[in-house]
């Protein structure tokens, strides 16, 4: 009678760790090839999160109720400028 010395939980943990390492490498490789986005006004590359808030009237809402829609975007952390690509309408179009 042979015994199997493989611990199933250890094997699962090792497989999860290998997947996480592979994902970290993929993200690292992507970042190595990425370029910074700069502010169109002051050329800073630091941005802060902001929210645009849209209100949809009951007449235009599918539910017939007034709806408030938050839209997350970014503004320059240095000068407060919002790049054209980060305006509410452009953010919505890309989703």
N, C-alpha and C. Protein backbone atom coordinates (compact mmCIF):
# COMPACT_ATOMS: atom_id res chain seq x y z
N UNK A 1 0.84 -1.17 0.00
CA UNK A 1 0.00 0.00 0.00
C UNK A 1 0.89 1.25 0.00
N UNK A 2 0.70 2.16 -0.99
CA UNK A 2 1.52 3.36 -1.06
C UNK A 2 0.77 4.53 -0.46
N UNK A 3 1.51 5.45 0.07
CA UNK A 3 0.90 6.65 0.63
C UNK A 3 1.30 7.85 -0.21
N UNK A 4 0.40 8.76 -0.31
CA UNK A 4 0.64 9.97 -1.07
C UNK A 4 1.05 11.06 -0.08
N UNK A 5 2.25 11.61 -0.23
CA UNK A 5 2.77 12.60 0.70
C UNK A 5 2.46 14.03 0.29
N UNK A 6 1.65 14.23 -0.73
CA UNK A 6 1.33 15.58 -1.20
C UNK A 6 0.21 16.15 -0.34
N UNK A 7 0.46 17.32 0.22
CA UNK A 7 -0.54 18.03 1.00
C UNK A 7 -1.36 18.89 0.04
N UNK A 8 -2.65 18.58 -0.14
CA UNK A 8 -3.46 19.32 -1.12
C UNK A 8 -3.53 20.82 -0.83
N UNK A 9 -3.60 21.20 0.44
CA UNK A 9 -3.68 22.61 0.78
C UNK A 9 -2.38 23.32 0.44
N UNK A 10 -1.25 22.66 0.66
CA UNK A 10 0.04 23.25 0.33
C UNK A 10 0.17 23.40 -1.19
N UNK A 11 -0.32 22.44 -1.93
CA UNK A 11 -0.26 22.49 -3.39
C UNK A 11 -1.11 23.66 -3.92
N UNK A 12 -2.29 23.86 -3.35
CA UNK A 12 -3.16 24.96 -3.75
C UNK A 12 -2.49 26.29 -3.42
N UNK A 13 -1.92 26.39 -2.22
CA UNK A 13 -1.25 27.62 -1.81
C UNK A 13 -0.07 27.93 -2.72
N UNK A 14 0.69 26.91 -3.10
CA UNK A 14 1.84 27.11 -3.99
C UNK A 14 1.37 27.57 -5.37
N UNK A 15 0.27 27.01 -5.87
CA UNK A 15 -0.26 27.41 -7.17
C UNK A 15 -0.76 28.86 -7.12
N UNK A 16 -1.42 29.25 -6.03
CA UNK A 16 -1.89 30.63 -5.89
C UNK A 16 -0.72 31.60 -5.84
N UNK A 17 0.33 31.23 -5.12
CA UNK A 17 1.51 32.08 -5.02
C UNK A 17 2.17 32.24 -6.39
N UNK A 18 2.24 31.17 -7.15
CA UNK A 18 2.84 31.24 -8.50
C UNK A 18 2.01 32.15 -9.40
N UNK A 19 0.67 32.08 -9.31
CA UNK A 19 -0.20 32.96 -10.11
C UNK A 19 0.00 34.42 -9.72
N UNK A 20 0.11 34.69 -8.41
CA UNK A 20 0.31 36.06 -7.95
C UNK A 20 1.65 36.61 -8.44
N UNK A 21 2.68 35.80 -8.40
CA UNK A 21 3.99 36.24 -8.89
C UNK A 21 3.93 36.54 -10.38
N UNK A 22 3.22 35.69 -11.14
CA UNK A 22 3.08 35.91 -12.58
C UNK A 22 2.31 37.21 -12.84
N UNK A 23 1.26 37.47 -12.08
CA UNK A 23 0.48 38.70 -12.25
C UNK A 23 1.33 39.93 -11.92
N UNK A 24 2.12 39.87 -10.83
CA UNK A 24 2.99 40.99 -10.48
C UNK A 24 4.00 41.26 -11.59
N UNK A 25 4.53 40.20 -12.20
CA UNK A 25 5.49 40.37 -13.29
C UNK A 25 4.81 41.02 -14.50
N UNK A 26 3.59 40.59 -14.81
CA UNK A 26 2.86 41.18 -15.94
C UNK A 26 2.61 42.67 -15.71
N UNK A 27 2.20 43.04 -14.48
CA UNK A 27 1.95 44.44 -14.17
C UNK A 27 3.26 45.22 -14.26
N UNK A 28 4.33 44.65 -13.72
CA UNK A 28 5.63 45.30 -13.78
C UNK A 28 6.07 45.52 -15.22
N UNK A 29 5.88 44.51 -16.07
CA UNK A 29 6.24 44.64 -17.48
C UNK A 29 5.42 45.73 -18.17
N UNK A 30 4.12 45.80 -17.85
CA UNK A 30 3.27 46.83 -18.44
C UNK A 30 3.75 48.21 -18.01
N UNK A 31 4.07 48.38 -16.73
CA UNK A 31 4.51 49.68 -16.24
C UNK A 31 5.85 50.09 -16.83
N UNK A 32 6.71 49.11 -17.12
CA UNK A 32 7.99 49.42 -17.76
C UNK A 32 7.79 50.05 -19.13
N UNK A 33 6.68 49.71 -19.80
CA UNK A 33 6.40 50.21 -21.15
C UNK A 33 5.39 51.36 -21.16
N UNK A 34 4.95 51.78 -19.98
CA UNK A 34 3.94 52.83 -19.90
C UNK A 34 4.59 54.21 -19.92
N UNK A 35 3.81 55.19 -20.36
CA UNK A 35 4.28 56.58 -20.33
C UNK A 35 3.42 57.37 -19.36
N UNK A 36 4.00 58.40 -18.76
CA UNK A 36 3.27 59.25 -17.84
C UNK A 36 2.31 60.16 -18.60
N UNK A 37 1.19 60.45 -17.99
CA UNK A 37 0.26 61.44 -18.51
C UNK A 37 0.56 62.73 -17.77
N UNK A 38 0.69 63.81 -18.50
CA UNK A 38 1.00 65.10 -17.90
C UNK A 38 -0.19 66.04 -18.00
N UNK A 39 -0.23 66.97 -17.08
CA UNK A 39 -1.24 68.03 -17.11
C UNK A 39 -1.05 68.85 -18.38
N UNK A 40 -2.15 69.13 -19.07
CA UNK A 40 -2.10 69.92 -20.30
C UNK A 40 -1.74 71.38 -20.03
N UNK A 41 -1.88 71.82 -18.79
CA UNK A 41 -1.61 73.22 -18.45
C UNK A 41 -0.21 73.42 -17.87
N UNK A 42 0.18 72.61 -16.86
CA UNK A 42 1.46 72.85 -16.17
C UNK A 42 2.47 71.72 -16.33
N UNK A 43 2.06 70.62 -16.98
CA UNK A 43 2.91 69.46 -17.26
C UNK A 43 3.28 68.63 -16.04
N UNK A 44 2.62 68.85 -14.91
CA UNK A 44 2.81 67.99 -13.74
C UNK A 44 2.28 66.60 -14.07
N UNK A 45 2.84 65.59 -13.45
CA UNK A 45 2.36 64.22 -13.67
C UNK A 45 1.64 63.67 -12.44
N UNK A 46 1.33 64.53 -11.48
CA UNK A 46 0.61 64.11 -10.28
C UNK A 46 -0.85 64.54 -10.41
N UNK A 47 -1.77 63.61 -10.14
CA UNK A 47 -3.20 63.88 -10.25
C UNK A 47 -3.91 63.45 -8.98
N UNK A 48 -5.03 64.11 -8.71
CA UNK A 48 -5.89 63.78 -7.58
C UNK A 48 -7.23 63.28 -8.11
N UNK A 49 -7.86 62.40 -7.34
CA UNK A 49 -9.18 61.90 -7.73
C UNK A 49 -10.23 62.97 -7.47
N UNK A 50 -11.16 63.08 -8.41
CA UNK A 50 -12.30 63.99 -8.26
C UNK A 50 -13.56 63.25 -8.71
N UNK A 51 -14.69 63.83 -8.43
CA UNK A 51 -15.97 63.27 -8.85
C UNK A 51 -16.78 64.33 -9.57
N UNK A 52 -17.31 63.98 -10.72
CA UNK A 52 -18.35 64.78 -11.38
C UNK A 52 -19.66 64.13 -10.96
N UNK A 53 -20.69 64.92 -10.79
CA UNK A 53 -21.99 64.37 -10.42
C UNK A 53 -23.01 64.86 -11.45
N UNK A 54 -23.66 63.91 -12.09
CA UNK A 54 -24.68 64.22 -13.10
C UNK A 54 -26.06 63.86 -12.54
N UNK A 55 -27.04 64.69 -12.88
CA UNK A 55 -28.41 64.42 -12.48
C UNK A 55 -29.21 64.14 -13.73
N UNK A 56 -29.95 63.03 -13.72
CA UNK A 56 -30.80 62.65 -14.85
C UNK A 56 -32.25 62.90 -14.43
N UNK A 57 -32.96 63.64 -15.24
CA UNK A 57 -34.36 63.97 -14.91
C UNK A 57 -35.22 62.71 -15.01
N UNK A 58 -36.34 62.71 -14.33
CA UNK A 58 -37.26 61.57 -14.42
C UNK A 58 -37.74 61.29 -15.84
N UNK A 59 -37.82 62.34 -16.67
CA UNK A 59 -38.28 62.15 -18.05
C UNK A 59 -37.26 61.37 -18.89
N UNK A 60 -35.96 61.53 -18.57
CA UNK A 60 -34.92 60.86 -19.35
C UNK A 60 -34.44 59.56 -18.69
N UNK A 61 -34.86 59.33 -17.47
CA UNK A 61 -34.41 58.15 -16.73
C UNK A 61 -35.23 56.92 -17.11
N UNK A 62 -34.57 55.78 -17.32
CA UNK A 62 -35.32 54.55 -17.65
C UNK A 62 -36.30 54.13 -16.57
N UNK A 63 -35.99 54.47 -15.30
CA UNK A 63 -36.86 54.06 -14.20
C UNK A 63 -38.01 55.04 -13.98
N UNK A 64 -37.92 56.23 -14.58
CA UNK A 64 -38.93 57.25 -14.35
C UNK A 64 -38.67 58.05 -13.10
N UNK A 65 -37.58 57.75 -12.40
CA UNK A 65 -37.18 58.49 -11.20
C UNK A 65 -35.97 59.34 -11.51
N UNK A 66 -35.80 60.43 -10.74
CA UNK A 66 -34.58 61.22 -10.88
C UNK A 66 -33.41 60.36 -10.42
N UNK A 67 -32.30 60.42 -11.16
CA UNK A 67 -31.13 59.59 -10.85
C UNK A 67 -29.92 60.50 -10.75
N UNK A 68 -29.08 60.25 -9.75
CA UNK A 68 -27.82 60.95 -9.60
C UNK A 68 -26.70 59.97 -9.93
N UNK A 69 -25.80 60.38 -10.83
CA UNK A 69 -24.74 59.49 -11.29
C UNK A 69 -23.38 60.10 -10.95
N UNK A 70 -22.59 59.44 -10.08
CA UNK A 70 -21.23 59.93 -9.81
C UNK A 70 -20.27 59.39 -10.86
N UNK A 71 -19.36 60.25 -11.33
CA UNK A 71 -18.37 59.86 -12.34
C UNK A 71 -16.99 60.21 -11.81
N UNK A 72 -16.18 59.21 -11.58
CA UNK A 72 -14.85 59.43 -11.03
C UNK A 72 -13.88 59.85 -12.13
N UNK A 73 -13.02 60.83 -11.82
CA UNK A 73 -12.03 61.29 -12.78
C UNK A 73 -10.82 61.83 -12.02
N UNK A 74 -10.00 62.65 -12.71
CA UNK A 74 -8.76 63.16 -12.12
C UNK A 74 -8.56 64.62 -12.48
N UNK A 75 -7.92 65.34 -11.57
CA UNK A 75 -7.49 66.72 -11.84
C UNK A 75 -6.04 66.85 -11.41
N UNK A 76 -5.34 67.79 -12.01
CA UNK A 76 -3.94 68.02 -11.70
C UNK A 76 -3.79 68.38 -10.22
N UNK A 77 -2.89 67.69 -9.54
CA UNK A 77 -2.66 67.96 -8.12
C UNK A 77 -1.93 69.28 -7.91
N UNK A 78 -1.26 69.78 -8.94
CA UNK A 78 -0.50 71.04 -8.82
C UNK A 78 -1.34 72.27 -9.10
N UNK A 79 -2.06 72.26 -10.22
CA UNK A 79 -2.77 73.48 -10.62
C UNK A 79 -4.30 73.32 -10.66
N UNK A 80 -4.81 72.11 -10.49
CA UNK A 80 -6.25 71.89 -10.50
C UNK A 80 -6.87 71.72 -11.87
N UNK A 81 -6.07 71.82 -12.93
CA UNK A 81 -6.58 71.66 -14.29
C UNK A 81 -7.14 70.25 -14.48
N UNK A 82 -8.17 70.15 -15.30
CA UNK A 82 -8.72 68.85 -15.69
C UNK A 82 -8.41 68.67 -17.17
N UNK A 83 -7.55 67.70 -17.49
CA UNK A 83 -7.22 67.43 -18.89
C UNK A 83 -8.48 67.11 -19.68
N UNK A 84 -8.46 67.42 -20.96
CA UNK A 84 -9.62 67.17 -21.83
C UNK A 84 -10.09 65.72 -21.74
N UNK A 85 -9.14 64.78 -21.73
CA UNK A 85 -9.52 63.37 -21.66
C UNK A 85 -10.19 62.99 -20.34
N UNK A 86 -10.04 63.83 -19.32
CA UNK A 86 -10.58 63.52 -18.00
C UNK A 86 -11.90 64.22 -17.70
N UNK A 87 -12.45 64.99 -18.67
CA UNK A 87 -13.73 65.65 -18.44
C UNK A 87 -14.83 64.59 -18.36
N UNK A 88 -15.92 64.95 -17.73
CA UNK A 88 -17.00 63.98 -17.48
C UNK A 88 -17.49 63.31 -18.76
N UNK A 89 -17.73 64.08 -19.80
CA UNK A 89 -18.26 63.50 -21.04
C UNK A 89 -17.25 62.55 -21.68
N UNK A 90 -15.96 62.89 -21.66
CA UNK A 90 -14.97 62.00 -22.23
C UNK A 90 -14.79 60.74 -21.40
N UNK A 91 -14.89 60.84 -20.08
CA UNK A 91 -14.78 59.66 -19.22
C UNK A 91 -15.94 58.71 -19.50
N UNK A 92 -17.14 59.26 -19.64
CA UNK A 92 -18.32 58.43 -19.91
C UNK A 92 -18.20 57.72 -21.25
N UNK A 93 -17.71 58.42 -22.28
CA UNK A 93 -17.59 57.84 -23.63
C UNK A 93 -16.63 56.65 -23.65
N UNK A 94 -15.60 56.66 -22.79
CA UNK A 94 -14.59 55.58 -22.81
C UNK A 94 -15.02 54.36 -22.02
N UNK A 95 -16.09 54.46 -21.26
CA UNK A 95 -16.50 53.31 -20.44
C UNK A 95 -17.32 52.34 -21.24
